[in-house]
Amino acid sequence: MRALPSADRKQLATAVLAARRASESACRAAIDGLGVFADKRPEHLDADQAALRNGLRAKWRQLDGERELLIAECAYEQWHRLLFARFLAENNLLLHPQYEAPVTLTDCEELAAELGEPQCHFFK
């Protein structure tokens, strides 16, 4: 495998940093929305969100109460899930859970819309 030319490496580095910032920003917003750093659980959380909040609070305590470490770890986890999904899709290994047939990322967006799930636009 050949090394990337300097201009392409710079473009890749810039894109990776922008994606990292976007991932951290989204995780920060999600964590704040769950009230992870608040003493009391927000009343608007349903049972699943409350369980997620409890898990994140436990992880936060493992990280000695470092807010930015929790945010960075969550962002890292989500970013790598997205990269892995892209790898699977590009290699026709991303399979529909019911039909076990390969799906594209576009198919995933359509399925997400049908299921009422949020859509991800990272891969366009």
PDB file of N, CA and C in Angstrom:
ATOM      1  N   MET A   1       0.840  -1.167   0.000  1.00  0.00           N
ATOM      2  CA  MET A   1       0.000   0.000   0.000  1.00  0.00           C
ATOM      3  C   MET A   1       0.895   1.243   0.000  1.00  0.00           C
ATOM      4  N   ARG A   2       0.604   2.147  -0.911  1.00  0.00           N
ATOM      5  CA  ARG A   2       1.374   3.389  -0.999  1.00  0.00           C
ATOM      6  C   ARG A   2       0.900   4.393   0.040  1.00  0.00           C
ATOM      7  N   ALA A   3       1.830   5.253   0.456  1.00  0.00           N
ATOM      8  CA  ALA A   3       1.474   6.331   1.380  1.00  0.00           C
ATOM      9  C   ALA A   3       0.685   7.391   0.627  1.00  0.00           C
ATOM     10  N   LEU A   4      -0.194   8.067   1.352  1.00  0.00           N
ATOM     11  CA  LEU A   4      -0.957   9.157   0.759  1.00  0.00           C
ATOM     12  C   LEU A   4      -0.043  10.340   0.472  1.00  0.00           C
ATOM     13  N   PRO A   5      -0.302  11.037  -0.616  1.00  0.00           N
ATOM     14  CA  PRO A   5       0.440  12.283  -0.860  1.00  0.00           C
ATOM     15  C   PRO A   5       0.166  13.280   0.267  1.00  0.00           C
ATOM     16  N   SER A   6       1.072  14.203   0.456  1.00  0.00           N
ATOM     17  CA  SER A   6       1.001  15.166   1.551  1.00  0.00           C
ATOM     18  C   SER A   6      -0.328  15.926   1.581  1.00  0.00           C
ATOM     19  N   ALA A   7      -0.797  16.391   0.439  1.00  0.00           N
ATOM     20  CA  ALA A   7      -2.058  17.156   0.396  1.00  0.00           C
ATOM     21  C   ALA A   7      -3.228  16.290   0.852  1.00  0.00           C
ATOM     22  N   ASP A   8      -3.237  15.023   0.448  1.00  0.00           N
ATOM     23  CA  ASP A   8      -4.311  14.119   0.850  1.00  0.00           C
ATOM     24  C   ASP A   8      -4.244  13.794   2.342  1.00  0.00           C
ATOM     25  N   ARG A   9      -3.028  13.648   2.874  1.00  0.00           N
ATOM     26  CA  ARG A   9      -2.876  13.405   4.313  1.00  0.00           C
ATOM     27  C   ARG A   9      -3.412  14.585   5.116  1.00  0.00           C
ATOM     28  N   LYS A  10      -3.106  15.794   4.638  1.00  0.00           N
ATOM     29  CA  LYS A  10      -3.587  16.994   5.334  1.00  0.00           C
ATOM     30  C   LYS A  10      -5.114  17.052   5.279  1.00  0.00           C
ATOM     31  N   GLN A  11      -5.693  16.750   4.120  1.00  0.00           N
ATOM     32  CA  GLN A  11      -7.147  16.760   3.984  1.00  0.00           C
ATOM     33  C   GLN A  11      -7.775  15.695   4.897  1.00  0.00           C
ATOM     34  N   LEU A  12      -7.163  14.519   4.966  1.00  0.00           N
ATOM     35  CA  LEU A  12      -7.668  13.459   5.840  1.00  0.00           C
ATOM     36  C   LEU A  12      -7.584  13.881   7.303  1.00  0.00           C
ATOM     37  N   ALA A  13      -6.459  14.451   7.695  1.00  0.00           N
ATOM     38  CA  ALA A  13      -6.290  14.899   9.088  1.00  0.00           C
ATOM     39  C   ALA A  13      -7.321  15.959   9.447  1.00  0.00           C
ATOM     40  N   THR A  14      -7.570  16.880   8.548  1.00  0.00           N
ATOM     41  CA  THR A  14      -8.567  17.928   8.789  1.00  0.00           C
ATOM     42  C   THR A  14      -9.967  17.327   8.936  1.00  0.00           C
ATOM     43  N   ALA A  15     -10.291  16.377   8.075  1.00  0.00           N
ATOM     44  CA  ALA A  15     -11.606  15.733   8.136  1.00  0.00           C
ATOM     45  C   ALA A  15     -11.772  14.930   9.424  1.00  0.00           C
ATOM     46  N   VAL A  16     -10.726  14.238   9.844  1.00  0.00           N
ATOM     47  CA  VAL A  16     -10.793  13.438  11.061  1.00  0.00           C
ATOM     48  C   VAL A  16     -10.987  14.345  12.278  1.00  0.00           C
ATOM     49  N   LEU A  17     -10.266  15.467  12.327  1.00  0.00           N
ATOM     50  CA  LEU A  17     -10.428  16.403  13.445  1.00  0.00           C
ATOM     51  C   LEU A  17     -11.832  17.002  13.480  1.00  0.00           C
ATOM     52  N   ALA A  18     -12.354  17.339  12.314  1.00  0.00           N
ATOM     53  CA  ALA A  18     -13.717  17.890  12.254  1.00  0.00           C
ATOM     54  C   ALA A  18     -14.734  16.848  12.716  1.00  0.00           C
ATOM     55  N   ALA A  19     -14.538  15.607  12.304  1.00  0.00           N
ATOM     56  CA  ALA A  19     -15.449  14.539  12.722  1.00  0.00           C
ATOM     57  C   ALA A  19     -15.354  14.296  14.221  1.00  0.00           C
ATOM     58  N   ARG A  20     -14.143  14.358  14.761  1.00  0.00           N
ATOM     59  CA  ARG A  20     -13.970  14.177  16.203  1.00  0.00           C
ATOM     60  C   ARG A  20     -14.701  15.274  16.973  1.00  0.00           C
ATOM     61  N   ARG A  21     -14.559  16.502  16.519  1.00  0.00           N
ATOM     62  CA  ARG A  21     -15.240  17.620  17.186  1.00  0.00           C
ATOM     63  C   ARG A  21     -16.767  17.454  17.100  1.00  0.00           C
ATOM     64  N   ALA A  22     -17.242  17.046  15.935  1.00  0.00           N
ATOM     65  CA  ALA A  22     -18.690  16.851  15.773  1.00  0.00           C
ATOM     66  C   ALA A  22     -19.186  15.730  16.682  1.00  0.00           C
ATOM     67  N   SER A  23     -18.426  14.653  16.770  1.00  0.00           N
ATOM     68  CA  SER A  23     -18.801  13.531  17.622  1.00  0.00           C
ATOM     69  C   SER A  23     -18.809  13.943  19.094  1.00  0.00           C
ATOM     70  N   GLU A  24     -17.788  14.681  19.517  1.00  0.00           N
ATOM     71  CA  GLU A  24     -17.729  15.137  20.905  1.00  0.00           C
ATOM     72  C   GLU A  24     -18.872  16.106  21.218  1.00  0.00           C
ATOM     73  N   SER A  25     -19.186  16.969  20.277  1.00  0.00           N
ATOM     74  CA  SER A  25     -20.276  17.924  20.473  1.00  0.00           C
ATOM     75  C   SER A  25     -21.613  17.195  20.619  1.00  0.00           C
ATOM     76  N   ALA A  26     -21.851  16.210  19.761  1.00  0.00           N
ATOM     77  CA  ALA A  26     -23.094  15.442  19.822  1.00  0.00           C
ATOM     78  C   ALA A  26     -23.179  14.643  21.121  1.00  0.00           C
ATOM     79  N   CYS A  27     -22.060  14.051  21.538  1.00  0.00           N
ATOM     80  CA  CYS A  27     -22.057  13.292  22.793  1.00  0.00           C
ATOM     81  C   CYS A  27     -22.279  14.209  23.983  1.00  0.00           C
ATOM     82  N   ARG A  28     -21.667  15.375  23.957  1.00  0.00           N
ATOM     83  CA  ARG A  28     -21.853  16.337  25.048  1.00  0.00           C
ATOM     84  C   ARG A  28     -23.337  16.714  25.165  1.00  0.00           C
ATOM     85  N   ALA A  29     -23.969  16.975  24.028  1.00  0.00           N
ATOM     86  CA  ALA A  29     -25.387  17.340  24.034  1.00  0.00           C
ATOM     87  C   ALA A  29     -26.250  16.188  24.551  1.00  0.00           C
ATOM     88  N   ALA A  30     -25.955  14.971  24.124  1.00  0.00           N
ATOM     89  CA  ALA A  30     -26.729  13.815  24.568  1.00  0.00           C
ATOM     90  C   ALA A  30     -26.550  13.573  26.065  1.00  0.00           C
ATOM     91  N   ILE A  31     -25.314  13.665  26.532  1.00  0.00           N
ATOM     92  CA  ILE A  31     -25.018  13.452  27.954  1.00  0.00           C
ATOM     93  C   ILE A  31     -25.681  14.533  28.804  1.00  0.00           C
ATOM     94  N   ASP A  32     -25.621  15.771  28.342  1.00  0.00           N
ATOM     95  CA  ASP A  32     -26.282  16.861  29.070  1.00  0.00           C
ATOM     96  C   ASP A  32     -27.794  16.662  29.083  1.00  0.00           C
ATOM     97  N   GLY A  33     -28.348  16.205  27.952  1.00  0.00           N
ATOM     98  CA  GLY A  33     -29.788  15.966  27.877  1.00  0.00           C
ATOM     99  C   GLY A  33     -30.255  14.867  28.817  1.00  0.00           C
ATOM    100  N   LEU A  34     -29.368  13.905  29.104  1.00  0.00           N
ATOM    101  CA  LEU A  34     -29.700  12.837  30.035  1.00  0.00           C
ATOM    102  C   LEU A  34     -29.466  13.240  31.492  1.00  0.00           C
ATOM    103  N   GLY A  35     -28.868  14.400  31.680  1.00  0.00           N
ATOM    104  CA  GLY A  35     -28.610  14.870  33.043  1.00  0.00           C
ATOM    105  C   GLY A  35     -27.581  14.038  33.779  1.00  0.00           C
ATOM    106  N   VAL A  36     -26.604  13.509  33.056  1.00  0.00           N
ATOM    107  CA  VAL A  36     -25.595  12.635  33.660  1.00  0.00           C
ATOM    108  C   VAL A  36     -24.829  13.334  34.780  1.00  0.00           C
ATOM    109  N   PHE A  37     -24.556  14.609  34.620  1.00  0.00           N
ATOM    110  CA  PHE A  37     -23.767  15.326  35.621  1.00  0.00           C
ATOM    111  C   PHE A  37     -24.634  16.001  36.684  1.00  0.00           C
ATOM    112  N   ALA A  38     -25.940  15.864  36.571  1.00  0.00           N
ATOM    113  CA  ALA A  38     -26.856  16.458  37.550  1.00  0.00           C
ATOM    114  C   ALA A  38     -27.029  15.506  38.735  1.00  0.00           C
ATOM    115  N   ASP A  39     -27.281  16.066  39.896  1.00  0.00           N
ATOM    116  CA  ASP A  39     -27.475  15.252  41.086  1.00  0.00           C
ATOM    117  C   ASP A  39     -28.768  14.438  41.017  1.00  0.00           C
ATOM    118  N   LYS A  40     -29.811  15.042  40.459  1.00  0.00           N
ATOM    119  CA  LYS A  40     -31.101  14.354  40.357  1.00  0.00           C
ATOM    120  C   LYS A  40     -31.382  13.972  38.911  1.00  0.00           C
ATOM    121  N   ARG A  41     -32.074  12.842  38.759  1.00  0.00           N
ATOM    122  CA  ARG A  41     -32.469  12.380  37.422  1.00  0.00           C
ATOM    123  C   ARG A  41     -33.561  13.304  36.901  1.00  0.00           C
ATOM    124  N   PRO A  42     -33.395  13.810  35.669  1.00  0.00           N
ATOM    125  CA  PRO A  42     -34.459  14.636  35.084  1.00  0.00           C
ATOM    126  C   PRO A  42     -35.760  13.841  34.965  1.00  0.00           C
ATOM    127  N   GLU A  43     -36.866  14.493  35.205  1.00  0.00           N
ATOM    128  CA  GLU A  43     -38.162  13.810  35.206  1.00  0.00           C
ATOM    129  C   GLU A  43     -38.621  13.390  33.811  1.00  0.00           C
ATOM    130  N   HIS A  44     -38.087  14.008  32.775  1.00  0.00           N
ATOM    131  CA  HIS A  44     -38.545  13.702  31.423  1.00  0.00           C
ATOM    132  C   HIS A  44     -37.982  12.386  30.868  1.00  0.00           C
ATOM    133  N   LEU A  45     -37.050  11.751  31.566  1.00  0.00           N
ATOM    134  CA  LEU A  45     -36.427  10.528  31.067  1.00  0.00           C
ATOM    135  C   LEU A  45     -37.368   9.329  31.203  1.00  0.00           C
ATOM    136  N   ASP A  46     -37.409   8.504  30.150  1.00  0.00           N
ATOM    137  CA  ASP A  46     -38.166   7.262  30.263  1.00  0.00           C
ATOM    138  C   ASP A  46     -37.259   6.198  30.898  1.00  0.00           C
ATOM    139  N   ALA A  47     -37.756   4.986  31.025  1.00  0.00           N
ATOM    140  CA  ALA A  47     -37.008   3.930  31.715  1.00  0.00           C
ATOM    141  C   ALA A  47     -35.689   3.606  31.007  1.00  0.00           C
ATOM    142  N   ASP A  48     -35.702   3.527  29.673  1.00  0.00           N
ATOM    143  CA  ASP A  48     -34.476   3.225  28.930  1.00  0.00           C
ATOM    144  C   ASP A  48     -33.446   4.345  29.083  1.00  0.00           C
ATOM    145  N   GLN A  49     -33.901   5.576  29.002  1.00  0.00           N
ATOM    146  CA  GLN A  49     -32.995   6.713  29.164  1.00  0.00           C
ATOM    147  C   GLN A  49     -32.429   6.774  30.580  1.00  0.00           C
ATOM    148  N   ALA A  50     -33.252   6.445  31.564  1.00  0.00           N
ATOM    149  CA  ALA A  50     -32.786   6.437  32.952  1.00  0.00           C
ATOM    150  C   ALA A  50     -31.722   5.361  33.147  1.00  0.00           C
ATOM    151  N   ALA A  51     -31.925   4.203  32.528  1.00  0.00           N
ATOM    152  CA  ALA A  51     -30.927   3.130  32.624  1.00  0.00           C
ATOM    153  C   ALA A  51     -29.621   3.550  31.950  1.00  0.00           C
ATOM    154  N   LEU A  52     -29.728   4.199  30.796  1.00  0.00           N
ATOM    155  CA  LEU A  52     -28.537   4.700  30.107  1.00  0.00           C
ATOM    156  C   LEU A  52     -27.829   5.736  30.970  1.00  0.00           C
ATOM    157  N   ARG A  53     -28.589   6.635  31.568  1.00  0.00           N
ATOM    158  CA  ARG A  53     -28.019   7.651  32.452  1.00  0.00           C
ATOM    159  C   ARG A  53     -27.260   6.993  33.605  1.00  0.00           C
ATOM    160  N   ASN A  54     -27.863   5.955  34.210  1.00  0.00           N
ATOM    161  CA  ASN A  54     -27.205   5.258  35.318  1.00  0.00           C
ATOM    162  C   ASN A  54     -25.892   4.622  34.878  1.00  0.00           C
ATOM    163  N   GLY A  55     -25.893   4.009  33.700  1.00  0.00           N
ATOM    164  CA  GLY A  55     -24.668   3.410  33.186  1.00  0.00           C
ATOM    165  C   GLY A  55     -23.586   4.444  32.918  1.00  0.00           C
ATOM    166  N   LEU A  56     -23.996   5.582  32.359  1.00  0.00           N
ATOM    167  CA  LEU A  56     -23.036   6.652  32.086  1.00  0.00           C
ATOM    168  C   LEU A  56     -22.507   7.261  33.379  1.00  0.00           C
ATOM    169  N   ARG A  57     -23.362   7.377  34.384  1.00  0.00           N
ATOM    170  CA  ARG A  57     -22.900   7.895  35.679  1.00  0.00           C
ATOM    171  C   ARG A  57     -21.897   6.935  36.312  1.00  0.00           C
ATOM    172  N   ALA A  58     -22.125   5.630  36.176  1.00  0.00           N
ATOM    173  CA  ALA A  58     -21.172   4.641  36.708  1.00  0.00           C
ATOM    174  C   ALA A  58     -19.828   4.768  35.991  1.00  0.00           C
ATOM    175  N   LYS A  59     -19.875   4.918  34.669  1.00  0.00           N
ATOM    176  CA  LYS A  59     -18.633   5.086  33.901  1.00  0.00           C
ATOM    177  C   LYS A  59     -17.941   6.379  34.301  1.00  0.00           C
ATOM    178  N   TRP A  60     -18.695   7.431  34.505  1.00  0.00           N
ATOM    179  CA  TRP A  60     -18.154   8.725  34.924  1.00  0.00           C
ATOM    180  C   TRP A  60     -17.415   8.573  36.261  1.00  0.00           C
ATOM    181  N   ARG A  61     -18.012   7.824  37.192  1.00  0.00           N
ATOM    182  CA  ARG A  61     -17.342   7.604  38.482  1.00  0.00           C
ATOM    183  C   ARG A  61     -16.046   6.813  38.291  1.00  0.00           C
ATOM    184  N   GLN A  62     -16.041   5.847  37.365  1.00  0.00           N
ATOM    185  CA  GLN A  62     -14.813   5.083  37.083  1.00  0.00           C
ATOM    186  C   GLN A  62     -13.713   5.999  36.556  1.00  0.00           C
ATOM    187  N   LEU A  63     -14.119   7.060  35.893  1.00  0.00           N
ATOM    188  CA  LEU A  63     -13.159   8.022  35.329  1.00  0.00           C
ATOM    189  C   LEU A  63     -12.862   9.157  36.317  1.00  0.00           C
ATOM    190  N   ASP A  64     -13.074   8.910  37.594  1.00  0.00           N
ATOM    191  CA  ASP A  64     -12.805   9.878  38.668  1.00  0.00           C
ATOM    192  C   ASP A  64     -13.567  11.186  38.498  1.00  0.00           C
ATOM    193  N   GLY A  65     -14.756  11.098  37.941  1.00  0.00           N
ATOM    194  CA  GLY A  65     -15.588  12.294  37.822  1.00  0.00           C
ATOM    195  C   GLY A  65     -15.105  13.294  36.788  1.00  0.00           C
ATOM    196  N   GLU A  66     -14.285  12.856  35.840  1.00  0.00           N
ATOM    197  CA  GLU A  66     -13.776  13.745  34.789  1.00  0.00           C
ATOM    198  C   GLU A  66     -14.788  13.822  33.653  1.00  0.00           C
ATOM    199  N   ARG A  67     -15.470  14.958  33.573  1.00  0.00           N
ATOM    200  CA  ARG A  67     -16.508  15.159  32.555  1.00  0.00           C
ATOM    201  C   ARG A  67     -15.977  14.977  31.137  1.00  0.00           C
ATOM    202  N   GLU A  68     -14.889  15.644  30.842  1.00  0.00           N
ATOM    203  CA  GLU A  68     -14.359  15.610  29.468  1.00  0.00           C
ATOM    204  C   GLU A  68     -13.871  14.218  29.075  1.00  0.00           C
ATOM    205  N   LEU A  69     -13.399  13.431  30.043  1.00  0.00           N
ATOM    206  CA  LEU A  69     -12.993  12.053  29.734  1.00  0.00           C
ATOM    207  C   LEU A  69     -14.197  11.206  29.341  1.00  0.00           C
ATOM    208  N   LEU A  70     -15.314  11.389  30.051  1.00  0.00           N
ATOM    209  CA  LEU A  70     -16.522  10.645  29.703  1.00  0.00           C
ATOM    210  C   LEU A  70     -16.999  11.034  28.316  1.00  0.00           C
ATOM    211  N   ILE A  71     -17.009  12.312  28.021  1.00  0.00           N
ATOM    212  CA  ILE A  71     -17.452  12.784  26.706  1.00  0.00           C
ATOM    213  C   ILE A  71     -16.528  12.241  25.617  1.00  0.00           C
ATOM    214  N   ALA A  72     -15.228  12.313  25.836  1.00  0.00           N
ATOM    215  CA  ALA A  72     -14.266  11.820  24.844  1.00  0.00           C
ATOM    216  C   ALA A  72     -14.421  10.316  24.630  1.00  0.00           C
ATOM    217  N   GLU A  73     -14.637   9.581  25.707  1.00  0.00           N
ATOM    218  CA  GLU A  73     -14.786   8.131  25.573  1.00  0.00           C
ATOM    219  C   GLU A  73     -16.061   7.767  24.820  1.00  0.00           C
ATOM    220  N   CYS A  74     -17.141   8.457  25.111  1.00  0.00           N
ATOM    221  CA  CYS A  74     -18.394   8.214  24.379  1.00  0.00           C
ATOM    222  C   CYS A  74     -18.238   8.562  22.899  1.00  0.00           C
ATOM    223  N   ALA A  75     -17.600   9.682  22.618  1.00  0.00           N
ATOM    224  CA  ALA A  75     -17.391  10.106  21.231  1.00  0.00           C
ATOM    225  C   ALA A  75     -16.516   9.103  20.488  1.00  0.00           C
ATOM    226  N   TYR A  76     -15.470   8.630  21.142  1.00  0.00           N
ATOM    227  CA  TYR A  76     -14.567   7.634  20.544  1.00  0.00           C
ATOM    228  C   TYR A  76     -15.337   6.365  20.203  1.00  0.00           C
ATOM    229  N   GLU A  77     -16.157   5.915  21.134  1.00  0.00           N
ATOM    230  CA  GLU A  77     -16.951   4.699  20.921  1.00  0.00           C
ATOM    231  C   GLU A  77     -17.897   4.859  19.728  1.00  0.00           C
ATOM    232  N   GLN A  78     -18.624   5.970  19.669  1.00  0.00           N
ATOM    233  CA  GLN A  78     -19.568   6.188  18.578  1.00  0.00           C
ATOM    234  C   GLN A  78     -18.865   6.335  17.234  1.00  0.00           C
ATOM    235  N   TRP A  79     -17.748   7.055  17.220  1.00  0.00           N
ATOM    236  CA  TRP A  79     -16.992   7.250  15.984  1.00  0.00           C
ATOM    237  C   TRP A  79     -16.539   5.907  15.427  1.00  0.00           C
ATOM    238  N   HIS A  80     -16.053   5.037  16.301  1.00  0.00           N
ATOM    239  CA  HIS A  80     -15.576   3.741  15.822  1.00  0.00           C
ATOM    240  C   HIS A  80     -16.724   2.830  15.400  1.00  0.00           C
ATOM    241  N   ARG A  81     -17.870   2.980  15.998  1.00  0.00           N
ATOM    242  CA  ARG A  81     -19.043   2.231  15.523  1.00  0.00           C
ATOM    243  C   ARG A  81     -19.407   2.671  14.101  1.00  0.00           C
ATOM    244  N   LEU A  82     -19.360   3.975  13.867  1.00  0.00           N
ATOM    245  CA  LEU A  82     -19.662   4.491  12.528  1.00  0.00           C
ATOM    246  C   LEU A  82     -18.637   4.006  11.512  1.00  0.00           C
ATOM    247  N   LEU A  83     -17.370   4.033  11.875  1.00  0.00           N
ATOM    248  CA  LEU A  83     -16.325   3.551  10.962  1.00  0.00           C
ATOM    249  C   LEU A  83     -16.505   2.072  10.654  1.00  0.00           C
ATOM    250  N   PHE A  84     -16.828   1.304  11.677  1.00  0.00           N
ATOM    251  CA  PHE A  84     -17.011  -0.125  11.467  1.00  0.00           C
ATOM    252  C   PHE A  84     -18.230  -0.390  10.592  1.00  0.00           C
ATOM    253  N   ALA A  85     -19.306   0.363  10.814  1.00  0.00           N
ATOM    254  CA  ALA A  85     -20.489   0.210   9.965  1.00  0.00           C
ATOM    255  C   ALA A  85     -20.139   0.506   8.511  1.00  0.00           C
ATOM    256  N   ARG A  86     -19.333   1.548   8.298  1.00  0.00           N
ATOM    257  CA  ARG A  86     -18.921   1.900   6.938  1.00  0.00           C
ATOM    258  C   ARG A  86     -18.088   0.773   6.327  1.00  0.00           C
ATOM    259  N   PHE A  87     -17.161   0.222   7.110  1.00  0.00           N
ATOM    260  CA  PHE A  87     -16.338  -0.896   6.646  1.00  0.00           C
ATOM    261  C   PHE A  87     -17.227  -2.076   6.244  1.00  0.00           C
ATOM    262  N   LEU A  88     -18.183  -2.418   7.105  1.00  0.00           N
ATOM    263  CA  LEU A  88     -19.078  -3.536   6.802  1.00  0.00           C
ATOM    264  C   LEU A  88     -19.887  -3.272   5.536  1.00  0.00           C
ATOM    265  N   ALA A  89     -20.413  -2.064   5.405  1.00  0.00           N
ATOM    266  CA  ALA A  89     -21.224  -1.727   4.237  1.00  0.00           C
ATOM    267  C   ALA A  89     -20.391  -1.784   2.959  1.00  0.00           C
ATOM    268  N   GLU A  90     -19.181  -1.239   2.995  1.00  0.00           N
ATOM    269  CA  GLU A  90     -18.323  -1.224   1.804  1.00  0.00           C
ATOM    270  C   GLU A  90     -17.914  -2.625   1.367  1.00  0.00           C
ATOM    271  N   ASN A  91     -17.919  -3.569   2.301  1.00  0.00           N
ATOM    272  CA  ASN A  91     -17.519  -4.947   1.993  1.00  0.00           C
ATOM    273  C   ASN A  91     -18.713  -5.900   1.927  1.00  0.00           C
ATOM    274  N   ASN A  92     -19.918  -5.325   1.783  1.00  0.00           N
ATOM    275  CA  ASN A  92     -21.165  -6.098   1.695  1.00  0.00           C
ATOM    276  C   ASN A  92     -21.338  -7.059   2.872  1.00  0.00           C
ATOM    277  N   LEU A  93     -20.901  -6.627   4.043  1.00  0.00           N
ATOM    278  CA  LEU A  93     -21.009  -7.445   5.243  1.00  0.00           C
ATOM    279  C   LEU A  93     -22.020  -6.880   6.250  1.00  0.00           C
ATOM    280  N   LEU A  94     -22.599  -5.736   5.917  1.00  0.00           N
ATOM    281  CA  LEU A  94     -23.621  -5.137   6.771  1.00  0.00           C
ATOM    282  C   LEU A  94     -24.943  -5.790   6.396  1.00  0.00           C
ATOM    283  N   LEU A  95     -25.498  -6.581   7.314  1.00  0.00           N
ATOM    284  CA  LEU A  95     -26.646  -7.411   6.989  1.00  0.00           C
ATOM    285  C   LEU A  95     -27.910  -6.935   7.687  1.00  0.00           C
ATOM    286  N   HIS A  96     -29.014  -7.063   6.975  1.00  0.00           N
ATOM    287  CA  HIS A  96     -30.327  -6.768   7.542  1.00  0.00           C
ATOM    288  C   HIS A  96     -30.583  -7.788   8.650  1.00  0.00           C
ATOM    289  N   PRO A  97     -31.011  -7.353   9.828  1.00  0.00           N
ATOM    290  CA  PRO A  97     -31.166  -8.286  10.944  1.00  0.00           C
ATOM    291  C   PRO A  97     -32.223  -9.374  10.723  1.00  0.00           C
ATOM    292  N   GLN A  98     -33.246  -9.062   9.951  1.00  0.00           N
ATOM    293  CA  GLN A  98     -34.319 -10.037   9.739  1.00  0.00           C
ATOM    294  C   GLN A  98     -34.041 -10.924   8.528  1.00  0.00           C
ATOM    295  N   TYR A  99     -33.614 -10.316   7.420  1.00  0.00           N
ATOM    296  CA  TYR A  99     -33.474 -11.061   6.167  1.00  0.00           C
ATOM    297  C   TYR A  99     -32.053 -11.557   5.911  1.00  0.00           C
ATOM    298  N   GLU A 100     -31.110 -11.099   6.706  1.00  0.00           N
ATOM    299  CA  GLU A 100     -29.699 -11.489   6.583  1.00  0.00           C
ATOM    300  C   GLU A 100     -29.156 -11.263   5.172  1.00  0.00           C
ATOM    301  N   ALA A 101     -29.621 -10.199   4.551  1.00  0.00           N
ATOM    302  CA  ALA A 101     -29.147  -9.812   3.222  1.00  0.00           C
ATOM    303  C   ALA A 101     -28.329  -8.532   3.374  1.00  0.00           C
ATOM    304  N   PRO A 102     -27.297  -8.341   2.524  1.00  0.00           N
ATOM    305  CA  PRO A 102     -26.491  -7.118   2.621  1.00  0.00           C
ATOM    306  C   PRO A 102     -27.344  -5.874   2.406  1.00  0.00           C
ATOM    307  N   VAL A 103     -27.063  -4.831   3.183  1.00  0.00           N
ATOM    308  CA  VAL A 103     -27.740  -3.548   3.041  1.00  0.00           C
ATOM    309  C   VAL A 103     -26.689  -2.449   2.896  1.00  0.00           C
ATOM    310  N   THR A 104     -27.090  -1.377   2.242  1.00  0.00           N
ATOM    311  CA  THR A 104     -26.219  -0.216   2.101  1.00  0.00           C
ATOM    312  C   THR A 104     -26.518   0.769   3.227  1.00  0.00           C
ATOM    313  N   LEU A 105     -25.695   1.787   3.340  1.00  0.00           N
ATOM    314  CA  LEU A 105     -25.962   2.811   4.349  1.00  0.00           C
ATOM    315  C   LEU A 105     -27.222   3.588   4.009  1.00  0.00           C
ATOM    316  N   THR A 106     -27.519   3.727   2.719  1.00  0.00           N
ATOM    317  CA  THR A 106     -28.765   4.369   2.296  1.00  0.00           C
ATOM    318  C   THR A 106     -29.957   3.530   2.750  1.00  0.00           C
ATOM    319  N   ASP A 107     -29.836   2.190   2.602  1.00  0.00           N
ATOM    320  CA  ASP A 107     -30.888   1.301   3.095  1.00  0.00           C
ATOM    321  C   ASP A 107     -31.087   1.491   4.599  1.00  0.00           C
ATOM    322  N   CYS A 108     -29.980   1.652   5.323  1.00  0.00           N
ATOM    323  CA  CYS A 108     -30.061   1.847   6.783  1.00  0.00           C
ATOM    324  C   CYS A 108     -30.799   3.131   7.119  1.00  0.00           C
ATOM    325  N   GLU A 109     -30.541   4.189   6.360  1.00  0.00           N
ATOM    326  CA  GLU A 109     -31.259   5.450   6.612  1.00  0.00           C
ATOM    327  C   GLU A 109     -32.749   5.280   6.376  1.00  0.00           C
ATOM    328  N   GLU A 110     -33.112   4.551   5.311  1.00  0.00           N
ATOM    329  CA  GLU A 110     -34.530   4.324   5.027  1.00  0.00           C
ATOM    330  C   GLU A 110     -35.163   3.484   6.128  1.00  0.00           C
ATOM    331  N   LEU A 111     -34.451   2.459   6.594  1.00  0.00           N
ATOM    332  CA  LEU A 111     -34.969   1.629   7.685  1.00  0.00           C
ATOM    333  C   LEU A 111     -35.119   2.449   8.963  1.00  0.00           C
ATOM    334  N   ALA A 112     -34.150   3.318   9.219  1.00  0.00           N
ATOM    335  CA  ALA A 112     -34.217   4.168  10.414  1.00  0.00           C
ATOM    336  C   ALA A 112     -35.450   5.064  10.359  1.00  0.00           C
ATOM    337  N   ALA A 113     -35.713   5.626   9.188  1.00  0.00           N
ATOM    338  CA  ALA A 113     -36.885   6.489   9.035  1.00  0.00           C
ATOM    339  C   ALA A 113     -38.170   5.700   9.284  1.00  0.00           C
ATOM    340  N   GLU A 114     -38.238   4.470   8.763  1.00  0.00           N
ATOM    341  CA  GLU A 114     -39.418   3.634   8.961  1.00  0.00           C
ATOM    342  C   GLU A 114     -39.628   3.288  10.434  1.00  0.00           C
ATOM    343  N   LEU A 115     -38.516   3.131  11.165  1.00  0.00           N
ATOM    344  CA  LEU A 115     -38.589   2.758  12.574  1.00  0.00           C
ATOM    345  C   LEU A 115     -38.682   3.970  13.501  1.00  0.00           C
ATOM    346  N   GLY A 116     -38.641   5.175  12.916  1.00  0.00           N
ATOM    347  CA  GLY A 116     -38.700   6.382  13.726  1.00  0.00           C
ATOM    348  C   GLY A 116     -37.402   6.682  14.451  1.00  0.00           C
ATOM    349  N   GLU A 117     -36.309   6.128  13.970  1.00  0.00           N
ATOM    350  CA  GLU A 117     -34.999   6.351  14.578  1.00  0.00           C
ATOM    351  C   GLU A 117     -34.340   7.574  13.942  1.00  0.00           C
ATOM    352  N   PRO A 118     -33.438   8.234  14.674  1.00  0.00           N
ATOM    353  CA  PRO A 118     -32.735   9.381  14.075  1.00  0.00           C
ATOM    354  C   PRO A 118     -31.844   8.914  12.933  1.00  0.00           C
ATOM    355  N   GLN A 119     -31.698   9.772  11.946  1.00  0.00           N
ATOM    356  CA  GLN A 119     -30.878   9.436  10.791  1.00  0.00           C
ATOM    357  C   GLN A 119     -29.483  10.016  10.946  1.00  0.00           C
ATOM    358  N   CYS A 120     -28.513   9.338  10.369  1.00  0.00           N
ATOM    359  CA  CYS A 120     -27.115   9.752  10.428  1.00  0.00           C
ATOM    360  C   CYS A 120     -26.685  10.185   9.041  1.00  0.00           C
ATOM    361  N   HIS A 121     -26.086  11.352   8.939  1.00  0.00           N
ATOM    362  CA  HIS A 121     -25.667  11.866   7.637  1.00  0.00           C
ATOM    363  C   HIS A 121     -24.156  11.957   7.523  1.00  0.00           C
ATOM    364  N   PHE A 122     -23.416  11.166   8.298  1.00  0.00           N
ATOM    365  CA  PHE A 122     -21.958  11.214   8.292  1.00  0.00           C
ATOM    366  C   PHE A 122     -21.354  10.655   7.016  1.00  0.00           C
ATOM    367  N   PHE A 123     -22.068   9.776   6.323  1.00  0.00           N
ATOM    368  CA  PHE A 123     -21.461   9.041   5.231  1.00  0.00           C
ATOM    369  C   PHE A 123     -21.796   9.585   3.855  1.00  0.00           C
ATOM    370  N   LYS A 124     -22.379  10.741   3.787  1.00  0.00           N
ATOM    371  CA  LYS A 124     -22.743  11.290   2.475  1.00  0.00           C
ATOM    372  C   LYS A 124     -21.633  12.144   1.949  1.00  0.00           C
TER     373      LYS A 124
END
